[in-house]
């Protein structure tokens, strides 16, 4: 869905986001089945405060399916140009928390990326003029009034259109799904894969947030990352051998995440080199190492 929608004032007093699906008429593929699949996957994934809540769904008179979800005032991570290291830790922890629930239900997301992580700011949510204007966020994602990074309840993993369930008798999937830049090696090579592929995508996401660059075509995935804790976490998520990758629970308990949550004041400008502008997020075809 392109652009942003105004929050719709529903009678039960919540600001919700009407997401419009594709028409079920005049298209060669079964769009009803596609949107139905996404609804089923979103319902299966509910249970984490970091998974975008699905409130309702319906089909309008012109045969367009609609999903009613939590309204996110700040849009996706692509809409947020400045992200310091504490916020990166909050994002990674929030997505890992969502993946813990998904994986415990035998569900793989298969498309973890910047565009599918949404942020809601309760302070500015009612200011719809600002929400739909061209202004960009200049504040941190985390609540600095508490003097340390807290677990973020307003960072959401969304879009379950290519998510799928692992069969208990054969807990692997086959076939390409997701976005190539974020795909794990085993997915790109056409080999069977499991929930470890989501962890690879999370590692790519973390590297993008810390450096503004995609994985290098050659060299080490932790290149350009100077903090040892972040370096170690990236190595754990971006192992080419799926069996050596961390689980979502292990990501949550990693020392780098714990350090930011318990030992650093957010108000300190710890690593100014990691602040970036939107223009720095151009992803080159070949990344220097």
Protein backbone atom coordinates (compact mmCIF):
# COMPACT_ATOMS: atom_id res chain seq x y z
CA UNK A 1 0.00 0.00 0.00
CA UNK A 2 1.51 3.31 -1.06
CA UNK A 3 1.45 6.42 1.11
CA UNK A 4 -0.24 6.94 4.45
CA UNK A 5 -3.87 6.91 5.47
CA UNK A 6 -5.50 9.16 8.02
CA UNK A 7 -6.52 7.36 11.19
CA UNK A 8 -10.21 6.55 11.05
CA UNK A 9 -12.26 7.49 14.15
CA UNK A 10 -14.07 4.25 14.93
CA UNK A 11 -16.96 4.33 17.43
CA UNK A 12 -15.09 2.39 20.10
CA UNK A 13 -12.63 5.22 20.54
CA UNK A 14 -9.49 3.83 18.89
CA UNK A 15 -7.47 5.19 16.01
CA UNK A 16 -7.18 2.37 13.49
CA UNK A 17 -5.53 1.97 10.13
CA UNK A 18 -7.66 0.77 7.18
CA UNK A 19 -5.36 -1.21 4.89
CA UNK A 20 -6.79 -1.75 1.43
CA UNK A 21 -6.02 -5.00 -0.31
CA UNK A 22 -6.14 -5.78 -4.02
CA UNK A 23 -9.35 -6.17 -5.98
CA UNK A 24 -10.64 -9.69 -6.44
CA UNK A 25 -11.98 -8.90 -9.92
CA UNK A 26 -10.19 -8.86 -13.25
CA UNK A 27 -6.89 -10.28 -11.98
CA UNK A 28 -5.34 -13.57 -13.04
CA UNK A 29 -4.43 -14.67 -9.53
CA UNK A 30 -6.74 -15.46 -6.66
CA UNK A 31 -6.43 -12.23 -4.69
CA UNK A 32 -9.11 -13.36 -2.24
CA UNK A 33 -6.91 -16.32 -1.35
CA UNK A 34 -3.86 -14.05 -0.98
CA UNK A 35 -5.52 -11.59 1.38
CA UNK A 36 -7.20 -14.49 3.16
CA UNK A 37 -3.78 -16.04 3.71
CA UNK A 38 -2.42 -12.81 5.21
CA UNK A 39 -5.42 -12.59 7.55
CA UNK A 40 -4.91 -16.19 8.65
CA UNK A 41 -1.20 -15.61 9.29
CA UNK A 42 -1.81 -12.38 11.22
CA UNK A 43 -4.37 -14.12 13.41
CA UNK A 44 -1.98 -17.02 14.02
CA UNK A 45 0.76 -14.57 15.03
CA UNK A 46 -1.28 -12.54 17.52
CA UNK A 47 -0.04 -12.72 21.08
CA UNK A 48 2.97 -10.41 21.02
CA UNK A 49 2.79 -6.71 21.84
CA UNK A 50 5.22 -6.17 18.96
CA UNK A 51 3.04 -7.72 16.26
CA UNK A 52 0.69 -5.22 14.60
CA UNK A 53 -2.79 -5.88 16.04
CA UNK A 54 -5.46 -6.95 13.54
CA UNK A 55 -8.79 -5.57 14.76
CA UNK A 56 -11.13 -6.48 11.92
CA UNK A 57 -11.41 -7.25 8.22
CA UNK A 58 -14.17 -6.81 5.66
CA UNK A 59 -14.87 -6.57 1.92
CA UNK A 60 -16.31 -3.33 0.55
CA UNK A 61 -19.01 -3.02 -2.09
CA UNK A 62 -16.38 -2.75 -4.87
CA UNK A 63 -14.96 -6.15 -3.86
CA UNK A 64 -11.81 -4.76 -2.24
CA UNK A 65 -10.76 -6.52 0.97
CA UNK A 66 -9.79 -4.28 3.89
CA UNK A 67 -7.81 -5.06 7.03
CA UNK A 68 -8.34 -2.83 10.06
CA UNK A 69 -5.13 -2.64 12.08
CA UNK A 70 -3.55 -0.46 14.75
CA UNK A 71 -2.75 2.99 13.34
CA UNK A 72 0.99 3.76 13.38
CA UNK A 73 1.59 7.50 13.38
CA UNK A 74 5.23 7.39 12.29
CA UNK A 75 4.94 4.90 9.43
CA UNK A 76 7.65 2.36 8.68
CA UNK A 77 11.34 2.55 9.52
CA UNK A 78 11.94 3.84 6.00
CA UNK A 79 10.07 7.00 7.06
CA UNK A 80 12.33 7.60 10.08
CA UNK A 81 15.66 9.13 9.03
CA UNK A 82 17.54 9.33 12.34
CA UNK A 83 18.18 6.24 14.44
CA UNK A 84 20.88 6.15 17.15
CA UNK A 85 22.29 2.96 18.62
CA UNK A 86 19.85 2.77 21.59
CA UNK A 87 16.93 2.92 19.15
CA UNK A 88 18.52 0.21 17.03
CA UNK A 89 18.65 -1.99 20.12
CA UNK A 90 14.98 -1.23 20.81
CA UNK A 91 14.00 -2.14 17.25
CA UNK A 92 15.99 -5.38 17.20
CA UNK A 93 14.63 -6.42 20.61
CA UNK A 94 11.05 -5.59 19.56
CA UNK A 95 11.26 -7.56 16.31
CA UNK A 96 12.98 -10.45 18.08
CA UNK A 97 10.18 -10.44 20.64
CA UNK A 98 7.63 -10.69 17.80
CA UNK A 99 9.61 -13.51 16.19
CA UNK A 100 9.69 -15.45 19.46
CA UNK A 101 5.89 -15.63 19.33
CA UNK A 102 5.81 -16.41 15.60
CA UNK A 103 8.38 -19.19 15.87
CA UNK A 104 6.74 -20.68 18.96
CA UNK A 105 3.59 -21.08 16.83
CA UNK A 106 5.58 -22.68 14.02
CA UNK A 107 5.16 -19.59 11.85
CA UNK A 108 7.87 -17.99 9.72
CA UNK A 109 7.50 -14.34 8.73
CA UNK A 110 9.87 -14.58 5.72
CA UNK A 111 9.95 -10.83 4.99
CA UNK A 112 11.58 -9.02 7.92
CA UNK A 113 12.76 -5.67 6.53
CA UNK A 114 12.66 -1.90 7.17
CA UNK A 115 9.39 -1.44 5.30
CA UNK A 116 7.63 -4.01 7.49
CA UNK A 117 8.55 -2.48 10.86
CA UNK A 118 6.07 0.22 11.92
CA UNK A 119 6.30 2.76 14.74
CA UNK A 120 3.51 4.44 16.68
CA UNK A 121 4.07 7.59 18.72
CA UNK A 122 1.28 8.05 21.26
CA UNK A 123 2.28 11.67 21.85
CA UNK A 124 1.77 12.73 18.23
CA UNK A 125 -0.84 10.19 17.12
CA UNK A 126 -3.72 12.65 17.51
CA UNK A 127 -1.92 15.27 15.43
CA UNK A 128 -3.10 14.04 12.04
CA UNK A 129 -1.85 17.16 10.26
CA UNK A 130 1.70 16.35 11.32
CA UNK A 131 1.24 12.65 10.66
CA UNK A 132 0.33 13.24 7.00
CA UNK A 133 2.72 16.12 6.35
CA UNK A 134 6.23 15.94 4.92
CA UNK A 135 7.89 16.56 8.30
CA UNK A 136 10.29 13.91 9.49
CA UNK A 137 10.98 12.61 12.99
CA UNK A 138 13.72 14.40 14.87
CA UNK A 139 13.06 12.71 18.25
CA UNK A 140 14.35 9.32 19.36
CA UNK A 141 12.03 6.32 19.29
CA UNK A 142 12.61 5.44 22.92
CA UNK A 143 11.24 7.23 25.95
CA UNK A 144 14.14 9.34 27.19
CA UNK A 145 12.16 10.62 30.18
CA UNK A 146 12.80 7.25 31.87
CA UNK A 147 16.56 7.74 31.40
CA UNK A 148 17.10 4.33 29.83
CA UNK A 149 15.89 2.29 26.92
CA UNK A 150 12.68 0.44 27.73
CA UNK A 151 10.98 -2.46 25.98
CA UNK A 152 9.12 -0.83 23.11
CA UNK A 153 5.41 -1.63 22.90
CA UNK A 154 4.90 0.70 19.93
CA UNK A 155 7.33 -0.89 17.47
CA UNK A 156 5.45 -3.45 15.39
CA UNK A 157 6.30 -6.23 12.96
CA UNK A 158 3.70 -6.20 10.19
CA UNK A 159 2.85 -7.66 6.76
CA UNK A 160 2.32 -11.41 6.89
CA UNK A 161 1.50 -11.84 3.19
CA UNK A 162 4.34 -14.32 2.58
CA UNK A 163 4.41 -15.82 6.08
CA UNK A 164 3.88 -19.57 6.31
CA UNK A 165 3.49 -22.32 8.87
CA UNK A 166 6.01 -25.11 9.35
CA UNK A 167 4.53 -28.60 9.23
CA UNK A 168 5.20 -30.54 12.46
CA UNK A 169 6.26 -33.63 10.51
CA UNK A 170 8.67 -31.63 8.30
CA UNK A 171 9.56 -28.31 9.96
CA UNK A 172 11.16 -26.73 6.89
CA UNK A 173 9.95 -24.65 3.96
CA UNK A 174 11.07 -24.53 0.33
CA UNK A 175 10.91 -21.90 -2.39
CA UNK A 176 11.80 -18.23 -2.58
CA UNK A 177 9.76 -15.76 -0.54
CA UNK A 178 10.49 -12.27 0.71
CA UNK A 179 12.95 -9.61 -0.44
CA UNK A 180 16.24 -10.80 -2.02
CA UNK A 181 18.46 -8.33 -0.16
CA UNK A 182 17.26 -9.79 3.16
CA UNK A 183 17.14 -13.47 2.15
CA UNK A 184 19.32 -16.00 3.94
CA UNK A 185 21.88 -17.92 1.83
CA UNK A 186 19.92 -21.17 2.06
CA UNK A 187 16.80 -19.41 0.72
CA UNK A 188 18.69 -17.84 -2.19
CA UNK A 189 20.27 -21.21 -3.00
CA UNK A 190 16.89 -22.96 -3.11
CA UNK A 191 17.63 -25.23 -0.14
CA UNK A 192 15.09 -26.08 2.57
CA UNK A 193 15.04 -23.56 5.41
CA UNK A 194 13.42 -22.94 8.78
CA UNK A 195 13.00 -20.12 11.32
CA UNK A 196 16.75 -19.41 11.22
CA UNK A 197 16.14 -17.63 7.90
CA UNK A 198 14.14 -14.97 9.77
CA UNK A 199 17.12 -14.40 12.06
CA UNK A 200 19.37 -13.77 9.05
CA UNK A 201 16.89 -11.14 7.83
CA UNK A 202 16.93 -9.55 11.28
CA UNK A 203 20.73 -9.40 11.09
CA UNK A 204 20.57 -7.63 7.72
CA UNK A 205 18.07 -5.20 9.24
CA UNK A 206 20.40 -4.49 12.16
CA UNK A 207 23.37 -3.84 9.87
CA UNK A 208 21.26 -1.42 7.82
CA UNK A 209 20.23 0.46 10.96
CA UNK A 210 23.81 0.73 12.24
CA UNK A 211 25.62 1.54 8.99
CA UNK A 212 23.00 2.47 6.38
CA UNK A 213 24.50 -0.19 4.12
CA UNK A 214 23.43 -3.63 2.97
CA UNK A 215 25.57 -6.72 3.43
CA UNK A 216 28.83 -6.59 1.48
CA UNK A 217 29.07 -8.77 -1.61
CA UNK A 218 32.42 -9.97 -0.25
CA UNK A 219 33.99 -9.67 3.16
CA UNK A 220 32.68 -9.87 6.69
CA UNK A 221 29.09 -8.88 7.61
CA UNK A 222 30.25 -7.00 10.72
CA UNK A 223 32.53 -4.67 8.75
CA UNK A 224 31.95 -0.96 9.52
CA UNK A 225 30.40 -1.90 12.89
CA UNK A 226 32.73 -0.64 15.62
CA UNK A 227 30.96 -1.64 18.84
CA UNK A 228 32.11 -5.09 19.98
CA UNK A 229 28.71 -6.07 21.38
CA UNK A 230 26.93 -5.17 18.15
CA UNK A 231 29.69 -6.91 16.19
CA UNK A 232 29.20 -10.11 18.22
CA UNK A 233 25.41 -10.04 17.83
CA UNK A 234 25.70 -9.58 14.07
CA UNK A 235 28.05 -12.56 13.84
CA UNK A 236 25.49 -14.63 15.72
CA UNK A 237 22.65 -13.67 13.39
CA UNK A 238 24.56 -13.68 10.10
CA UNK A 239 26.25 -17.06 10.24
CA UNK A 240 26.10 -18.74 6.83
CA UNK A 241 25.37 -22.02 8.61
CA UNK A 242 21.73 -21.85 9.84
CA UNK A 243 22.49 -24.23 12.70
CA UNK A 244 25.03 -21.75 14.09
CA UNK A 245 22.65 -18.78 14.12
CA UNK A 246 21.07 -17.44 17.27
CA UNK A 247 17.40 -18.04 17.98
CA UNK A 248 15.04 -15.12 18.56
CA UNK A 249 15.17 -15.80 22.31
CA UNK A 250 18.97 -15.72 22.25
CA UNK A 251 18.90 -12.39 20.41
CA UNK A 252 16.70 -10.97 23.19
CA UNK A 253 19.09 -12.15 25.89
CA UNK A 254 22.28 -11.07 24.09
CA UNK A 255 24.63 -8.83 26.06
CA UNK A 256 24.42 -5.92 23.60
CA UNK A 257 20.63 -5.75 23.94
CA UNK A 258 20.81 -6.15 27.73
CA UNK A 259 23.50 -3.48 28.01
CA UNK A 260 21.42 -0.85 26.28
CA UNK A 261 18.33 -1.76 28.25
CA UNK A 262 19.98 -1.63 31.66
CA UNK A 263 23.21 0.36 31.68
CA UNK A 264 23.11 3.35 29.31
CA UNK A 265 21.26 6.63 29.55
CA UNK A 266 19.55 7.43 26.29
CA UNK A 267 20.30 11.16 26.67
CA UNK A 268 24.02 10.56 26.15
CA UNK A 269 25.23 10.87 22.58
CA UNK A 270 27.19 7.62 22.66
CA UNK A 271 28.02 7.12 18.98
CA UNK A 272 27.24 10.22 16.87
CA UNK A 273 28.75 8.56 13.79
CA UNK A 274 25.73 6.25 13.66
CA UNK A 275 23.26 9.11 13.15
CA UNK A 276 22.31 9.23 9.49
CA UNK A 277 20.09 11.16 7.13
CA UNK A 278 17.61 9.64 4.73
CA UNK A 279 20.00 10.24 1.81
CA UNK A 280 22.57 7.93 3.42
CA UNK A 281 20.23 4.97 3.08
CA UNK A 282 20.89 4.45 -0.61
CA UNK A 283 21.82 0.79 -0.89
CA UNK A 284 24.68 0.31 -3.37
CA UNK A 285 24.87 -2.78 -5.53
CA UNK A 286 28.33 -3.48 -4.12
CA UNK A 287 29.00 -2.38 -0.58
CA UNK A 288 32.56 -1.45 0.46
CA UNK A 289 34.03 -3.44 3.35
